[in-house]
Protein backbone atom coordinates (compact mmCIF):
# COMPACT_ATOMS: atom_id res chain seq x y z
CA MET A 1 0.02 0.14 -0.21
CA ASN A 2 1.62 3.22 -0.95
CA ASN A 3 1.97 6.40 0.85
CA ILE A 4 -0.19 9.48 -0.58
CA ASP A 5 1.63 12.65 -0.76
CA VAL A 6 -0.78 15.80 -0.60
CA LEU A 7 0.96 19.04 -2.01
CA ILE A 8 -1.05 22.39 -0.88
CA VAL A 9 0.24 25.36 -2.91
CA VAL A 10 -0.86 28.95 -1.50
CA ASP A 11 -0.77 32.10 -3.26
CA VAL A 12 -0.02 33.92 0.07
CA GLN A 13 -0.10 37.44 -1.19
CA GLY A 14 -3.76 36.82 -2.74
CA ALA A 15 -4.72 34.87 0.59
CA LEU A 16 -3.73 37.59 2.70
CA ALA A 17 -5.13 40.45 0.55
CA GLY A 18 -8.63 38.16 0.04
CA THR A 19 -9.50 34.72 1.07
CA LEU A 20 -7.52 31.55 1.52
CA SER A 21 -10.19 29.66 -0.49
CA ASP A 22 -9.62 31.51 -3.34
CA ASN A 23 -5.65 31.15 -3.31
CA VAL A 24 -5.00 27.56 -2.19
CA TYR A 25 -4.40 24.57 -4.43
CA LEU A 26 -4.22 21.21 -3.73
CA ILE A 27 -2.97 17.93 -5.42
CA ASP A 28 -2.24 14.53 -4.40
CA THR A 29 -0.18 11.63 -5.70
CA ASN A 30 -3.29 9.18 -6.51
CA LYS A 31 -3.47 10.80 -10.04
CA HIS A 32 -6.78 9.40 -11.50
CA VAL A 33 -6.93 6.52 -9.06
CA GLY A 34 -10.38 8.16 -7.10
CA SER A 35 -9.25 11.53 -6.05
CA GLY A 36 -11.51 14.27 -7.07
CA SER A 37 -11.42 18.22 -7.18
CA GLU A 38 -7.54 18.68 -7.77
CA GLY A 39 -6.17 21.91 -7.96
CA GLN A 40 -9.01 23.22 -5.89
CA THR A 41 -9.58 23.70 -2.01
CA GLU A 42 -11.87 21.01 -1.21
CA LEU A 43 -9.35 18.10 -2.69
CA ARG A 44 -10.89 14.74 -2.19
CA THR A 45 -7.95 12.38 -1.23
CA ALA A 46 -9.09 8.68 -1.95
CA CYS A 47 -7.61 6.35 0.65
CA GLN A 48 -7.55 3.14 1.97
CA ASP A 49 -7.50 1.87 5.87
CA GLY A 50 -3.88 1.72 7.02
CA GLN A 51 -2.28 4.06 4.38
CA VAL A 52 -0.03 6.92 5.29
CA ILE A 53 -0.75 10.54 4.06
CA ASN A 54 1.81 13.09 3.87
CA TRP A 55 0.64 16.84 3.65
CA SER A 56 3.40 19.47 2.67
CA VAL A 57 2.89 23.16 1.98
CA THR A 58 4.46 25.70 -0.47
CA PRO A 59 4.09 29.24 -1.60
CA VAL A 60 3.54 30.19 -5.22
CA SER A 61 6.14 32.90 -4.67
CA PRO A 62 9.42 31.94 -3.30
CA SER A 63 9.48 35.21 -1.50
CA SER A 64 6.67 34.15 0.61
CA ASP A 65 6.49 32.00 3.76
CA VAL A 66 3.55 29.91 4.96
CA ASN A 67 3.49 26.97 7.29
CA ILE A 68 0.96 24.07 8.27
CA THR A 69 -0.01 25.18 12.05
CA GLN A 70 -2.42 22.24 12.77
CA PHE A 71 -5.12 19.90 11.48
CA THR A 72 -8.84 20.02 13.14
CA GLY A 73 -12.07 18.64 12.21
CA GLN A 74 -14.01 15.60 11.72
CA MET A 75 -11.05 13.61 10.65
CA ILE A 76 -9.33 14.30 13.98
CA SER A 77 -12.18 14.09 16.38
CA SER A 78 -13.20 10.75 14.69
CA GLU A 79 -9.30 9.74 15.21
CA ILE A 80 -9.78 8.47 11.44
CA CYS A 81 -6.31 10.33 10.69
CA VAL A 82 -4.22 12.34 13.28
CA PRO A 83 -1.41 14.19 11.41
CA SER A 84 1.75 15.13 13.33
CA PRO A 85 4.65 17.38 12.06
CA VAL A 86 8.11 15.38 10.75
CA THR A 87 11.31 17.16 10.01
CA ALA A 88 13.61 15.68 7.37
CA LEU A 89 16.49 17.07 5.84
CA GLY A 90 15.52 20.47 7.16
CA VAL A 91 11.73 20.29 5.63
CA THR A 92 8.92 19.96 7.82
CA TYR A 93 5.78 18.11 6.34
CA TRP A 94 3.03 16.50 8.60
CA THR A 95 2.30 12.68 8.37
CA GLY A 96 -0.77 10.48 9.57
CA ARG A 97 -1.71 6.85 9.41
CA VAL A 98 -5.57 6.33 8.17
CA GLU A 99 -7.37 4.13 10.85
CA ALA A 100 -10.75 3.81 9.79
CA ARG A 101 -11.54 0.91 12.00
CA GLY A 102 -14.27 -0.10 9.41
CA PHE A 103 -15.68 3.32 8.57
CA THR A 104 -15.94 3.82 5.04
CA GLY A 105 -16.94 7.17 3.47
CA GLN A 106 -16.13 10.80 3.70
CA GLN A 107 -14.20 12.66 6.46
CA GLN A 108 -13.61 16.30 6.15
CA TYR A 109 -10.62 17.86 8.08
CA SER A 110 -9.41 21.75 8.29
CA VAL A 111 -5.80 22.50 7.53
CA GLU A 112 -4.56 25.66 9.29
CA LEU A 113 -1.78 27.65 7.84
CA THR A 114 0.08 30.35 9.14
CA MET A 115 1.19 33.25 6.76
CA ASP A 116 3.09 36.38 7.68
CA GLY A 117 1.84 35.86 11.39
CA LYS A 118 -1.86 35.26 10.05
CA THR A 119 -3.60 32.10 10.69
CA MET A 120 -6.14 30.96 8.08
CA SER A 121 -7.92 27.37 7.33
CA PHE A 122 -9.48 25.86 4.46
CA ASP A 123 -11.37 22.31 4.57
CA PRO A 124 -10.61 19.08 2.36
CA PHE A 125 -11.79 15.70 2.51
CA LEU A 126 -10.57 12.21 2.77
CA ILE A 127 -12.62 9.54 0.88
CA ILE A 128 -12.14 6.16 2.81
CA GLY A 129 -12.81 3.35 0.63
CA GLY A 130 -13.97 -0.37 1.77
């Protein structure tokens, strides 16, 4: 079972001047194997019980700074997946194992980002298969 990598790309200047939901773009490594809404705020990452998901964030502009602060929402409160930060080779990303315990279906979660001292969040989904 392969790990799934989720990349969060943020137009930091656009988010700070407007809304994060209009300036964040998500993709994952599932390609055409079930994920949906790629390139949008509400990515639907298809996954299976036991899979590890890694989230990383990068700004569109190299002069901007953005970091994942925390994860909240249904996925966390149900303990379906509880990501934690990992630093390797000077890069911090967040990783969590899907522990569905028989659950199949959709779990929404929120990703909280910090940009220039301001915190904003958005709400993608996991789609857990049976």
